[in-house]
Each structure stands twice: as C-alpha cells, then as structure tokens.
Amino acid sequence: MQMKHVEIPMKSLHDTFNLYVIGDVHIGSSNCAEKHFKRFVKYIEKQPNAYWIGGGDYCSCITPSDLKRFDFNGLADWLFVGSALDIKEALADISKQERGRFCEIVKPIANRCLGLIEGNHEQKFMQHNNNGHHYLMCDQLGVDNLTDCAFLRLRADKGKGGDSRVITIFIMHGFGGGRTAGAEPCHLARLGTFAEADIVLRGHSHTFHIAPPEPRLYIPTKGRLPAECLERTVRKANWGCWLKSYAAGPSTYDSRAGYPPRPLVTLEITIKPHHGENNKHKPTIIRMSECPYDM
C-alpha cells in the first residue's frame, strides 16, 4: 500500500475538477475495446481540470508460459502485423509490446496521472515470470507506483479568501469473483468496513456500478456543539472495463467462462471543493456519474 498527498490548484472558490480511473483495459487481448478506450483518453485530454488514477490490469500480460489462459486466438491482431521477423520479435516479448502500446495511448495525459496501482494480471505476471511489468510501466510513464492499493489525499488550494479542502480516496484493484447483480455492492461494502475515505474505488470484476451515497453523522471533537449533527458522505464505485466479453471472432477467455457482457462505460467524478465566499462550513460536493466520453 502507498499513501500520497496531492495539491490541486484551484483558480477560484467556484471551480470544480474531475477525477477518472483508467483500469481493466487489457491491451493485447483480441476483445479489448481499443477504439472506445482511445476516445475516453481523448475526452480526458480535453477536460480543463482533470486527473486520473491507474486502476490495474492495463495490459493482458498473458503469455505462453500461462498454460491455463494463453491462447494465440486470444491475442490482438496488431501483434501479428509486419514481416515475419517483426511478428517473431513481437511474440518473443508480448508484455513489452502491450506495455508500449498502452503507454503510447495514454502519453497525452501522462502528466495528469496521480499514480498507478497494480492489478491481478500484473501481479500474476510478476509472480510466475519474474517480470517487473508494472514497475517498468510506471517508469516509462514517469508516474508513481501505488502498489496494490493506495490512500490519496487531495488538498484543493483555497484560492483567494477561501479555506482549503481535503478529499481522501482509497483505491484497490479488487478481489473475489461473483457474477450476480448483488456481488459488486457486497464487495464495495466490504471495502467500506476497513477503509475510511470520502471516495472508495475498485475494479477487477469489470462491472460498472455506482453505490448509493452513504451519509455518516458526526459531531466536532472540540469547540461548541452545533445545533444539528454534522454530516459527511462516503461515495463508492466500480469503474467498469474496456473489454468486450462477446466480441465477434474466435472464442475468448471471457466467452468460454460464460461471463456476463459488460457495458463499455466508465466513471466520472466531479468535485467542487468550495462554495464561494462565506461558505466554509458547507461540505465538499462530490458527484459520481457515467462518463459521457462517447457522446
């Protein structure tokens, strides 16, 4: 686990900023929805005040040594483009090709990245192949390695005449299975039992899910008691994926396993730290919604 403090500059007390997660992309899989993913990256690039966190499983990282999952039919077509020598070189180090392709796609927004967490595909690849794919990707993009999970503390600059606001985030790639509609809410609820933060994020299941806001009542630890209890709201979500479970063409690992199809949508988090002049006691506004990248 890692902890990171980030300063978010705000030009005025009325400004907002957006936060996104890029995870569960699986570059290198034949059923990776690259066109959708590239449109999403361009959408982030156009946002004036946007940041993103890596959510893991950026690349497939399934190589011939993975006897359980590897299938040549499951590899993306772009790995077989070029001369015979080009193809041989690509297949000699599949993860290198996938890493390079992912980094090239997100290069325009690399300077807005708050760090990358490790997914189960990166972890398994390191465990069985002694290949530091995740570390190499962080170095290639010039971003922080947030290991398997992370706490982030975002401090919004107070601007002129305003108070500073802090937003805390806990992010983890995810764990466990489950194909029913109730599986994802249960996983998110479990995270909320041991990670105290304003925003709790996870992936892994390829599900897009925004949980209902959870209000938490509290009273100040010092000073005069207020007329009413104070309230803060915890928001939880799963960011979705960029993988077609039932893409036309050869069979895929997903279709053979009978996984349910997943929507190619993702999360957009809009944060308004301040409320203008003389509103320092109002809580930060956090809104989670489906990102309109494809509109």
C-alpha atoms as a PDB file:
ATOM      1  CA  MET A   1       0.000   0.000   0.000  1.00  0.00           C
ATOM      2  CA  GLN A   2       1.059   3.579  -0.615  1.00  0.00           C
ATOM      3  CA  MET A   3      -0.107   6.947   0.684  1.00  0.00           C
ATOM      4  CA  LYS A   4       0.182  10.093  -1.411  1.00  0.00           C
ATOM      5  CA  HIS A   5      -0.591  13.759  -0.871  1.00  0.00           C
ATOM      6  CA  VAL A   6      -1.557  15.815  -3.933  1.00  0.00           C
ATOM      7  CA  GLU A   7      -2.052  19.573  -4.191  1.00  0.00           C
ATOM      8  CA  ILE A   8      -4.901  20.513  -6.539  1.00  0.00           C
ATOM      9  CA  PRO A   9      -4.658  24.166  -7.641  1.00  0.00           C
ATOM     10  CA  MET A  10      -7.978  25.990  -7.893  1.00  0.00           C
ATOM     11  CA  LYS A  11      -8.287  29.360  -9.639  1.00  0.00           C
ATOM     12  CA  SER A  12     -11.418  30.404  -7.769  1.00  0.00           C
ATOM     13  CA  LEU A  13     -13.767  29.276  -4.999  1.00  0.00           C
ATOM     14  CA  HIS A  14     -16.329  28.231  -7.617  1.00  0.00           C
ATOM     15  CA  ASP A  15     -14.044  25.871  -9.569  1.00  0.00           C
ATOM     16  CA  THR A  16     -14.502  22.127  -9.950  1.00  0.00           C
ATOM     17  CA  PHE A  17     -12.148  19.375 -11.049  1.00  0.00           C
ATOM     18  CA  ASN A  18     -12.746  15.918 -12.493  1.00  0.00           C
ATOM     19  CA  LEU A  19     -11.228  12.611 -11.494  1.00  0.00           C
ATOM     20  CA  TYR A  20     -11.134   9.439 -13.631  1.00  0.00           C
ATOM     21  CA  VAL A  21      -9.827   5.889 -13.291  1.00  0.00           C
ATOM     22  CA  ILE A  22      -8.111   4.005 -16.111  1.00  0.00           C
ATOM     23  CA  GLY A  23      -8.199   0.307 -15.344  1.00  0.00           C
ATOM     24  CA  ASP A  24      -9.237  -3.098 -16.646  1.00  0.00           C
ATOM     25  CA  VAL A  25      -8.211  -2.178 -20.204  1.00  0.00           C
ATOM     26  CA  HIS A  26      -6.452  -5.463 -21.081  1.00  0.00           C
ATOM     27  CA  ILE A  27      -4.451  -4.119 -24.011  1.00  0.00           C
ATOM     28  CA  GLY A  28      -3.246  -7.088 -26.065  1.00  0.00           C
ATOM     29  CA  SER A  29      -6.479  -9.077 -25.813  1.00  0.00           C
ATOM     30  CA  SER A  30      -8.359  -9.683 -29.039  1.00  0.00           C
ATOM     31  CA  ASN A  31     -11.556  -8.438 -27.373  1.00  0.00           C
ATOM     32  CA  CYS A  32     -10.069  -5.215 -25.970  1.00  0.00           C
ATOM     33  CA  ALA A  33     -12.282  -2.269 -26.991  1.00  0.00           C
ATOM     34  CA  GLU A  34      -9.347  -0.066 -28.009  1.00  0.00           C
ATOM     35  CA  LYS A  35     -11.423   2.399 -30.045  1.00  0.00           C
ATOM     36  CA  HIS A  36     -13.658   3.141 -27.069  1.00  0.00           C
ATOM     37  CA  PHE A  37     -10.661   3.408 -24.766  1.00  0.00           C
ATOM     38  CA  LYS A  38      -8.875   5.850 -27.094  1.00  0.00           C
ATOM     39  CA  ARG A  39     -11.980   8.051 -27.234  1.00  0.00           C
ATOM     40  CA  PHE A  40     -12.037   8.057 -23.429  1.00  0.00           C
ATOM     41  CA  VAL A  41      -8.384   9.164 -23.279  1.00  0.00           C
ATOM     42  CA  LYS A  42      -9.093  11.986 -25.746  1.00  0.00           C
ATOM     43  CA  TYR A  43     -12.059  13.026 -23.613  1.00  0.00           C
ATOM     44  CA  ILE A  44      -9.825  13.338 -20.536  1.00  0.00           C
ATOM     45  CA  GLU A  45      -7.270  15.289 -22.572  1.00  0.00           C
ATOM     46  CA  LYS A  46      -9.925  17.875 -23.481  1.00  0.00           C
ATOM     47  CA  GLN A  47     -11.079  18.453 -19.887  1.00  0.00           C
ATOM     48  CA  PRO A  48      -9.569  21.664 -18.495  1.00  0.00           C
ATOM     49  CA  ASN A  49      -9.024  20.446 -14.915  1.00  0.00           C
ATOM     50  CA  ALA A  50      -8.853  16.644 -14.917  1.00  0.00           C
ATOM     51  CA  TYR A  51      -6.759  13.980 -13.206  1.00  0.00           C
ATOM     52  CA  TRP A  52      -6.680  10.187 -13.376  1.00  0.00           C
ATOM     53  CA  ILE A  53      -5.540   7.208 -11.346  1.00  0.00           C
ATOM     54  CA  GLY A  54      -4.455   3.875 -12.803  1.00  0.00           C
ATOM     55  CA  GLY A  55      -6.668   1.009 -11.649  1.00  0.00           C
ATOM     56  CA  GLY A  56      -4.630  -2.036 -12.738  1.00  0.00           C
ATOM     57  CA  ASP A  57      -4.920  -4.656 -15.499  1.00  0.00           C
ATOM     58  CA  TYR A  58      -3.816  -2.172 -18.153  1.00  0.00           C
ATOM     59  CA  CYS A  59      -2.426  -4.984 -20.308  1.00  0.00           C
ATOM     60  CA  SER A  60      -3.391  -8.613 -20.746  1.00  0.00           C
ATOM     61  CA  CYS A  61       0.033  -9.968 -19.705  1.00  0.00           C
ATOM     62  CA  ILE A  62      -0.988 -13.499 -20.696  1.00  0.00           C
ATOM     63  CA  THR A  63       1.973 -15.240 -22.329  1.00  0.00           C
ATOM     64  CA  PRO A  64       2.705 -18.830 -23.494  1.00  0.00           C
ATOM     65  CA  SER A  65       4.016 -19.735 -20.027  1.00  0.00           C
ATOM     66  CA  ASP A  66       0.464 -19.289 -18.694  1.00  0.00           C
ATOM     67  CA  LEU A  67      -0.768 -22.747 -19.659  1.00  0.00           C
ATOM     68  CA  LYS A  68      -4.224 -22.194 -18.189  1.00  0.00           C
ATOM     69  CA  ARG A  69      -5.164 -18.999 -20.021  1.00  0.00           C
ATOM     70  CA  PHE A  70      -2.892 -18.490 -23.034  1.00  0.00           C
ATOM     71  CA  ASP A  71      -4.420 -18.896 -26.490  1.00  0.00           C
ATOM     72  CA  PHE A  72      -2.989 -17.483 -29.726  1.00  0.00           C
ATOM     73  CA  ASN A  73      -6.542 -16.743 -30.843  1.00  0.00           C
ATOM     74  CA  GLY A  74      -6.905 -14.500 -27.805  1.00  0.00           C
ATOM     75  CA  LEU A  75      -4.095 -12.169 -28.908  1.00  0.00           C
ATOM     76  CA  ALA A  76      -4.875  -8.843 -30.572  1.00  0.00           C
ATOM     77  CA  ASP A  77      -4.402  -8.685 -34.353  1.00  0.00           C
ATOM     78  CA  TRP A  78      -1.895  -5.833 -34.112  1.00  0.00           C
ATOM     79  CA  LEU A  79       0.657  -8.265 -32.639  1.00  0.00           C
ATOM     80  CA  PHE A  80       0.736 -10.073 -35.996  1.00  0.00           C
ATOM     81  CA  VAL A  81       1.329  -7.044 -38.248  1.00  0.00           C
ATOM     82  CA  GLY A  82       4.534  -6.655 -40.273  1.00  0.00           C
ATOM     83  CA  SER A  83       7.157  -9.001 -41.618  1.00  0.00           C
ATOM     84  CA  ALA A  84       7.788 -12.474 -40.265  1.00  0.00           C
ATOM     85  CA  LEU A  85      10.744 -11.050 -38.309  1.00  0.00           C
ATOM     86  CA  ASP A  86       8.550  -8.297 -36.817  1.00  0.00           C
ATOM     87  CA  ILE A  87       5.973 -10.842 -35.676  1.00  0.00           C
ATOM     88  CA  LYS A  88       8.617 -13.110 -34.169  1.00  0.00           C
ATOM     89  CA  GLU A  89      10.085 -10.186 -32.210  1.00  0.00           C
ATOM     90  CA  ALA A  90       6.634  -9.159 -31.001  1.00  0.00           C
ATOM     91  CA  LEU A  91       5.768 -12.657 -29.822  1.00  0.00           C
ATOM     92  CA  ALA A  92       9.171 -13.035 -28.139  1.00  0.00           C
ATOM     93  CA  ASP A  93       8.117 -10.410 -25.562  1.00  0.00           C
ATOM     94  CA  ILE A  94       4.365  -9.912 -25.662  1.00  0.00           C
ATOM     95  CA  SER A  95       4.171  -7.877 -22.466  1.00  0.00           C
ATOM     96  CA  LYS A  96       6.705  -5.364 -23.833  1.00  0.00           C
ATOM     97  CA  GLN A  97       4.520  -4.792 -26.906  1.00  0.00           C
ATOM     98  CA  GLU A  98       1.407  -4.379 -24.777  1.00  0.00           C
ATOM     99  CA  ARG A  99       3.151  -2.020 -22.384  1.00  0.00           C
ATOM    100  CA  GLY A 100       4.437   0.139 -25.209  1.00  0.00           C
ATOM    101  CA  ARG A 101       1.027   0.338 -26.853  1.00  0.00           C
ATOM    102  CA  PHE A 102      -0.734   1.305 -23.610  1.00  0.00           C
ATOM    103  CA  CYS A 103       1.855   3.963 -22.779  1.00  0.00           C
ATOM    104  CA  GLU A 104       1.603   5.418 -26.278  1.00  0.00           C
ATOM    105  CA  ILE A 105      -2.199   5.745 -25.964  1.00  0.00           C
ATOM    106  CA  VAL A 106      -2.126   7.487 -22.558  1.00  0.00           C
ATOM    107  CA  LYS A 107       1.009   9.554 -23.281  1.00  0.00           C
ATOM    108  CA  PRO A 108      -1.001  12.786 -23.920  1.00  0.00           C
ATOM    109  CA  ILE A 109      -2.451  12.623 -20.381  1.00  0.00           C
ATOM    110  CA  ALA A 110       0.515  11.090 -18.531  1.00  0.00           C
ATOM    111  CA  ASN A 111       1.203  14.420 -16.801  1.00  0.00           C
ATOM    112  CA  ARG A 112      -2.264  14.260 -15.204  1.00  0.00           C
ATOM    113  CA  CYS A 113      -1.741  10.821 -13.659  1.00  0.00           C
ATOM    114  CA  LEU A 114      -1.692  10.582  -9.861  1.00  0.00           C
ATOM    115  CA  GLY A 115      -0.142   7.108  -9.954  1.00  0.00           C
ATOM    116  CA  LEU A 116      -0.774   3.511 -10.974  1.00  0.00           C
ATOM    117  CA  ILE A 117      -1.953   0.662  -8.785  1.00  0.00           C
ATOM    118  CA  GLU A 118      -1.187  -2.941  -9.670  1.00  0.00           C
ATOM    119  CA  GLY A 119      -3.867  -5.310 -10.957  1.00  0.00           C
ATOM    120  CA  ASN A 120      -4.042  -9.088 -10.639  1.00  0.00           C
ATOM    121  CA  HIS A 121      -2.724  -9.543 -14.212  1.00  0.00           C
ATOM    122  CA  GLU A 122       0.431  -7.544 -13.380  1.00  0.00           C
ATOM    123  CA  GLN A 123       0.825  -9.348 -10.068  1.00  0.00           C
ATOM    124  CA  LYS A 124       0.449 -12.842 -11.560  1.00  0.00           C
ATOM    125  CA  PHE A 125       2.847 -11.993 -14.372  1.00  0.00           C
ATOM    126  CA  MET A 126       5.455 -10.864 -11.842  1.00  0.00           C
ATOM    127  CA  GLN A 127       4.877 -13.929  -9.675  1.00  0.00           C
ATOM    128  CA  HIS A 128       5.183 -16.531 -12.436  1.00  0.00           C
ATOM    129  CA  ASN A 129       7.593 -14.829 -14.864  1.00  0.00           C
ATOM    130  CA  ASN A 130       9.811 -12.700 -12.616  1.00  0.00           C
ATOM    131  CA  ASN A 131       8.922  -9.750 -14.863  1.00  0.00           C
ATOM    132  CA  GLY A 132       8.510  -6.312 -13.313  1.00  0.00           C
ATOM    133  CA  HIS A 133       5.979  -5.210 -15.944  1.00  0.00           C
ATOM    134  CA  HIS A 134       4.185  -2.843 -13.554  1.00  0.00           C
ATOM    135  CA  TYR A 135       7.402  -1.193 -12.387  1.00  0.00           C
ATOM    136  CA  LEU A 136       8.570  -0.748 -15.969  1.00  0.00           C
ATOM    137  CA  MET A 137       5.260   0.847 -16.949  1.00  0.00           C
ATOM    138  CA  CYS A 138       5.437   3.338 -14.075  1.00  0.00           C
ATOM    139  CA  ASP A 139       8.986   4.252 -15.098  1.00  0.00           C
ATOM    140  CA  GLN A 140       8.038   4.568 -18.765  1.00  0.00           C
ATOM    141  CA  LEU A 141       5.178   6.955 -17.962  1.00  0.00           C
ATOM    142  CA  GLY A 142       7.114   8.759 -15.222  1.00  0.00           C
ATOM    143  CA  VAL A 143       4.416   8.235 -12.592  1.00  0.00           C
ATOM    144  CA  ASP A 144       4.265   6.887  -9.041  1.00  0.00           C
ATOM    145  CA  ASN A 145       3.924   3.177  -8.339  1.00  0.00           C
ATOM    146  CA  LEU A 146       0.999   2.945  -5.887  1.00  0.00           C
ATOM    147  CA  THR A 147       1.453  -0.850  -5.390  1.00  0.00           C
ATOM    148  CA  ASP A 148      -1.702  -2.924  -4.916  1.00  0.00           C
ATOM    149  CA  CYS A 149      -3.795  -0.281  -3.147  1.00  0.00           C
ATOM    150  CA  ALA A 150      -3.439   3.317  -2.054  1.00  0.00           C
ATOM    151  CA  PHE A 151      -4.774   6.165   0.009  1.00  0.00           C
ATOM    152  CA  LEU A 152      -4.663   9.541  -1.735  1.00  0.00           C
ATOM    153  CA  ARG A 153      -5.188  12.856  -0.010  1.00  0.00           C
ATOM    154  CA  LEU A 154      -6.168  15.646  -2.393  1.00  0.00           C
ATOM    155  CA  ARG A 155      -5.866  19.143  -0.983  1.00  0.00           C
ATOM    156  CA  ALA A 156      -7.714  21.756  -3.035  1.00  0.00           C
ATOM    157  CA  ASP A 157      -5.899  25.086  -2.906  1.00  0.00           C
ATOM    158  CA  LYS A 158      -8.026  27.622  -1.086  1.00  0.00           C
ATOM    159  CA  GLY A 159      -7.624  30.293  -3.780  1.00  0.00           C
ATOM    160  CA  LYS A 160      -8.225  33.887  -2.757  1.00  0.00           C
ATOM    161  CA  GLY A 161     -10.053  34.303   0.512  1.00  0.00           C
ATOM    162  CA  GLY A 162     -11.230  30.706   0.831  1.00  0.00           C
ATOM    163  CA  ASP A 163     -10.468  27.771   3.077  1.00  0.00           C
ATOM    164  CA  SER A 164      -8.551  24.690   1.966  1.00  0.00           C
ATOM    165  CA  ARG A 165     -10.464  21.449   1.458  1.00  0.00           C
ATOM    166  CA  VAL A 166      -9.183  17.882   1.652  1.00  0.00           C
ATOM    167  CA  ILE A 167     -10.685  14.895  -0.191  1.00  0.00           C
ATOM    168  CA  THR A 168      -9.481  11.399   0.687  1.00  0.00           C
ATOM    169  CA  ILE A 169      -9.584   8.435  -1.713  1.00  0.00           C
ATOM    170  CA  PHE A 170      -8.996   4.733  -1.192  1.00  0.00           C
ATOM    171  CA  ILE A 171      -8.425   2.708  -4.369  1.00  0.00           C
ATOM    172  CA  MET A 172      -7.849  -1.009  -4.811  1.00  0.00           C
ATOM    173  CA  HIS A 173      -7.923  -3.124  -7.968  1.00  0.00           C
ATOM    174  CA  GLY A 174     -10.262  -5.610  -6.318  1.00  0.00           C
ATOM    175  CA  PHE A 175     -10.626  -9.184  -5.194  1.00  0.00           C
ATOM    176  CA  GLY A 176     -13.004 -12.124  -5.375  1.00  0.00           C
ATOM    177  CA  GLY A 177     -15.468 -13.254  -8.013  1.00  0.00           C
ATOM    178  CA  GLY A 178     -19.208 -13.122  -8.374  1.00  0.00           C
ATOM    179  CA  ARG A 179     -21.452 -12.806 -11.410  1.00  0.00           C
ATOM    180  CA  THR A 180     -24.749 -11.888  -9.785  1.00  0.00           C
ATOM    181  CA  ALA A 181     -26.156  -8.361  -9.554  1.00  0.00           C
ATOM    182  CA  GLY A 182     -25.525  -8.291  -5.815  1.00  0.00           C
ATOM    183  CA  ALA A 183     -21.854  -9.257  -5.964  1.00  0.00           C
ATOM    184  CA  GLU A 184     -20.420  -5.802  -6.654  1.00  0.00           C
ATOM    185  CA  PRO A 185     -22.380  -3.944  -3.939  1.00  0.00           C
ATOM    186  CA  CYS A 186     -21.173  -6.578  -1.467  1.00  0.00           C
ATOM    187  CA  HIS A 187     -17.539  -6.125  -2.488  1.00  0.00           C
ATOM    188  CA  LEU A 188     -17.815  -2.347  -2.178  1.00  0.00           C
ATOM    189  CA  ALA A 189     -19.469  -2.685   1.227  1.00  0.00           C
ATOM    190  CA  ARG A 190     -16.598  -4.868   2.406  1.00  0.00           C
ATOM    191  CA  LEU A 191     -14.074  -2.234   1.360  1.00  0.00           C
ATOM    192  CA  GLY A 192     -16.008   0.364   3.316  1.00  0.00           C
ATOM    193  CA  THR A 193     -15.666  -1.651   6.521  1.00  0.00           C
ATOM    194  CA  PHE A 194     -11.898  -1.193   6.729  1.00  0.00           C
ATOM    195  CA  ALA A 195     -11.062   1.820   4.518  1.00  0.00           C
ATOM    196  CA  GLU A 196     -12.296   5.193   5.756  1.00  0.00           C
ATOM    197  CA  ALA A 197     -12.293   7.725   2.904  1.00  0.00           C
ATOM    198  CA  ASP A 198     -14.563  10.168   1.077  1.00  0.00           C
ATOM    199  CA  ILE A 199     -14.274   8.113  -2.127  1.00  0.00           C
ATOM    200  CA  VAL A 200     -13.772   4.322  -2.323  1.00  0.00           C
ATOM    201  CA  LEU A 201     -12.942   2.816  -5.742  1.00  0.00           C
ATOM    202  CA  ARG A 202     -12.400  -0.717  -7.063  1.00  0.00           C
ATOM    203  CA  GLY A 203     -12.359  -2.694 -10.296  1.00  0.00           C
ATOM    204  CA  HIS A 204     -11.429  -6.283 -11.189  1.00  0.00           C
ATOM    205  CA  SER A 205     -14.970  -7.595 -11.777  1.00  0.00           C
ATOM    206  CA  HIS A 206     -15.350  -5.467 -14.964  1.00  0.00           C
ATOM    207  CA  THR A 207     -18.625  -4.186 -13.539  1.00  0.00           C
ATOM    208  CA  PHE A 208     -19.731  -0.574 -13.739  1.00  0.00           C
ATOM    209  CA  HIS A 209     -21.519   0.259 -10.518  1.00  0.00           C
ATOM    210  CA  ILE A 210     -22.129   3.429  -8.507  1.00  0.00           C
ATOM    211  CA  ALA A 211     -23.299   2.718  -4.978  1.00  0.00           C
ATOM    212  CA  PRO A 212     -25.844   4.976  -3.241  1.00  0.00           C
ATOM    213  CA  PRO A 213     -24.227   7.736  -1.168  1.00  0.00           C
ATOM    214  CA  GLU A 214     -23.624   6.739   2.449  1.00  0.00           C
ATOM    215  CA  PRO A 215     -24.129   9.615   4.908  1.00  0.00           C
ATOM    216  CA  ARG A 216     -22.083   9.487   8.123  1.00  0.00           C
ATOM    217  CA  LEU A 217     -23.163  11.600  11.080  1.00  0.00           C
ATOM    218  CA  TYR A 218     -20.620  13.063  13.471  1.00  0.00           C
ATOM    219  CA  ILE A 219     -20.042  15.874  15.947  1.00  0.00           C
ATOM    220  CA  PRO A 220     -16.950  18.072  16.216  1.00  0.00           C
ATOM    221  CA  THR A 221     -14.238  16.927  18.600  1.00  0.00           C
ATOM    222  CA  LYS A 222     -13.725  20.433  20.006  1.00  0.00           C
ATOM    223  CA  GLY A 223     -15.471  23.776  20.274  1.00  0.00           C
ATOM    224  CA  ARG A 224     -19.163  24.487  20.710  1.00  0.00           C
ATOM    225  CA  LEU A 225     -21.619  21.803  19.664  1.00  0.00           C
ATOM    226  CA  PRO A 226     -23.649  22.698  16.558  1.00  0.00           C
ATOM    227  CA  ALA A 227     -27.443  22.880  16.536  1.00  0.00           C
ATOM    228  CA  GLU A 228     -27.576  19.729  14.367  1.00  0.00           C
ATOM    229  CA  CYS A 229     -25.272  16.775  13.772  1.00  0.00           C
ATOM    230  CA  LEU A 230     -22.682  17.331  11.087  1.00  0.00           C
ATOM    231  CA  GLU A 231     -22.659  15.030   8.074  1.00  0.00           C
ATOM    232  CA  ARG A 232     -20.125  13.697   5.613  1.00  0.00           C
ATOM    233  CA  THR A 233     -20.926  11.389   2.710  1.00  0.00           C
ATOM    234  CA  VAL A 234     -18.926   8.389   1.569  1.00  0.00           C
ATOM    235  CA  ARG A 235     -19.165   7.549  -2.139  1.00  0.00           C
ATOM    236  CA  LYS A 236     -18.197   4.190  -3.632  1.00  0.00           C
ATOM    237  CA  ALA A 237     -17.973   2.923  -7.195  1.00  0.00           C
ATOM    238  CA  ASN A 238     -16.581   0.340  -9.570  1.00  0.00           C
ATOM    239  CA  TRP A 239     -15.109   1.939 -12.685  1.00  0.00           C
ATOM    240  CA  GLY A 240     -16.028  -0.652 -15.337  1.00  0.00           C
ATOM    241  CA  CYS A 241     -13.803  -2.061 -18.087  1.00  0.00           C
ATOM    242  CA  TRP A 242     -12.737  -1.818 -21.741  1.00  0.00           C
ATOM    243  CA  LEU A 243     -13.264  -5.430 -22.694  1.00  0.00           C
ATOM    244  CA  LYS A 244     -15.902  -6.986 -24.948  1.00  0.00           C
ATOM    245  CA  SER A 245     -16.961 -10.281 -23.393  1.00  0.00           C
ATOM    246  CA  TYR A 246     -18.524 -11.498 -26.652  1.00  0.00           C
ATOM    247  CA  ALA A 247     -16.540  -9.906 -29.482  1.00  0.00           C
ATOM    248  CA  ALA A 248     -17.088 -11.304 -32.980  1.00  0.00           C
ATOM    249  CA  GLY A 249     -14.309 -13.683 -33.967  1.00  0.00           C
ATOM    250  CA  PRO A 250     -12.521 -16.535 -32.211  1.00  0.00           C
ATOM    251  CA  SER A 251     -13.541 -17.650 -28.742  1.00  0.00           C
ATOM    252  CA  THR A 252     -12.221 -15.606 -25.834  1.00  0.00           C
ATOM    253  CA  TYR A 253     -11.372 -16.459 -22.254  1.00  0.00           C
ATOM    254  CA  ASP A 254     -14.420 -14.434 -21.181  1.00  0.00           C
ATOM    255  CA  SER A 255     -16.909 -16.098 -23.516  1.00  0.00           C
ATOM    256  CA  ARG A 256     -15.669 -19.591 -22.667  1.00  0.00           C
ATOM    257  CA  ALA A 257     -16.163 -18.846 -18.987  1.00  0.00           C
ATOM    258  CA  GLY A 258     -19.675 -17.575 -19.660  1.00  0.00           C
ATOM    259  CA  TYR A 259     -19.059 -14.167 -18.097  1.00  0.00           C
ATOM    260  CA  PRO A 260     -21.940 -11.705 -18.469  1.00  0.00           C
ATOM    261  CA  PRO A 261     -21.436  -8.929 -21.048  1.00  0.00           C
ATOM    262  CA  ARG A 262     -20.231  -5.650 -19.570  1.00  0.00           C
ATOM    263  CA  PRO A 263     -21.069  -2.126 -20.745  1.00  0.00           C
ATOM    264  CA  LEU A 264     -18.210  -0.081 -22.206  1.00  0.00           C
ATOM    265  CA  VAL A 265     -18.798   2.791 -19.833  1.00  0.00           C
ATOM    266  CA  THR A 266     -16.696   4.312 -17.113  1.00  0.00           C
ATOM    267  CA  LEU A 267     -16.750   6.626 -14.152  1.00  0.00           C
ATOM    268  CA  GLU A 268     -16.571  10.416 -13.997  1.00  0.00           C
ATOM    269  CA  ILE A 269     -16.144  12.042 -10.591  1.00  0.00           C
ATOM    270  CA  THR A 270     -16.773  15.778 -10.355  1.00  0.00           C
ATOM    271  CA  ILE A 271     -15.563  17.509  -7.215  1.00  0.00           C
ATOM    272  CA  LYS A 272     -16.434  21.030  -6.098  1.00  0.00           C
ATOM    273  CA  PRO A 273     -14.332  21.705  -3.004  1.00  0.00           C
ATOM    274  CA  HIS A 274     -15.617  25.190  -2.222  1.00  0.00           C
ATOM    275  CA  HIS A 275     -18.951  27.014  -2.359  1.00  0.00           C
ATOM    276  CA  GLY A 276     -17.955  30.582  -2.946  1.00  0.00           C
ATOM    277  CA  GLU A 277     -17.459  33.258  -0.325  1.00  0.00           C
ATOM    278  CA  ASN A 278     -18.535  32.736   3.317  1.00  0.00           C
ATOM    279  CA  ASN A 279     -19.467  29.070   2.845  1.00  0.00           C
ATOM    280  CA  LYS A 280     -16.549  27.402   4.576  1.00  0.00           C
ATOM    281  CA  HIS A 281     -18.807  25.175   6.718  1.00  0.00           C
ATOM    282  CA  LYS A 282     -20.569  23.539   3.774  1.00  0.00           C
ATOM    283  CA  PRO A 283     -19.200  20.106   2.827  1.00  0.00           C
ATOM    284  CA  THR A 284     -17.344  19.429  -0.412  1.00  0.00           C
ATOM    285  CA  ILE A 285     -19.673  18.411  -3.251  1.00  0.00           C
ATOM    286  CA  ILE A 286     -18.756  15.089  -4.907  1.00  0.00           C
ATOM    287  CA  ARG A 287     -20.802  13.762  -7.814  1.00  0.00           C
ATOM    288  CA  MET A 288     -20.299  10.346  -9.450  1.00  0.00           C
ATOM    289  CA  SER A 289     -21.812   9.635 -12.857  1.00  0.00           C
ATOM    290  CA  GLU A 290     -21.359   7.755 -16.125  1.00  0.00           C
ATOM    291  CA  CYS A 291     -18.697   9.487 -18.207  1.00  0.00           C
ATOM    292  CA  PRO A 292     -20.115  10.909 -21.490  1.00  0.00           C
ATOM    293  CA  TYR A 293     -16.881  10.231 -23.424  1.00  0.00           C
ATOM    294  CA  ASP A 294     -18.749   8.644 -26.350  1.00  0.00           C
ATOM    295  CA  MET A 295     -21.280  11.413 -26.948  1.00  0.00           C
END
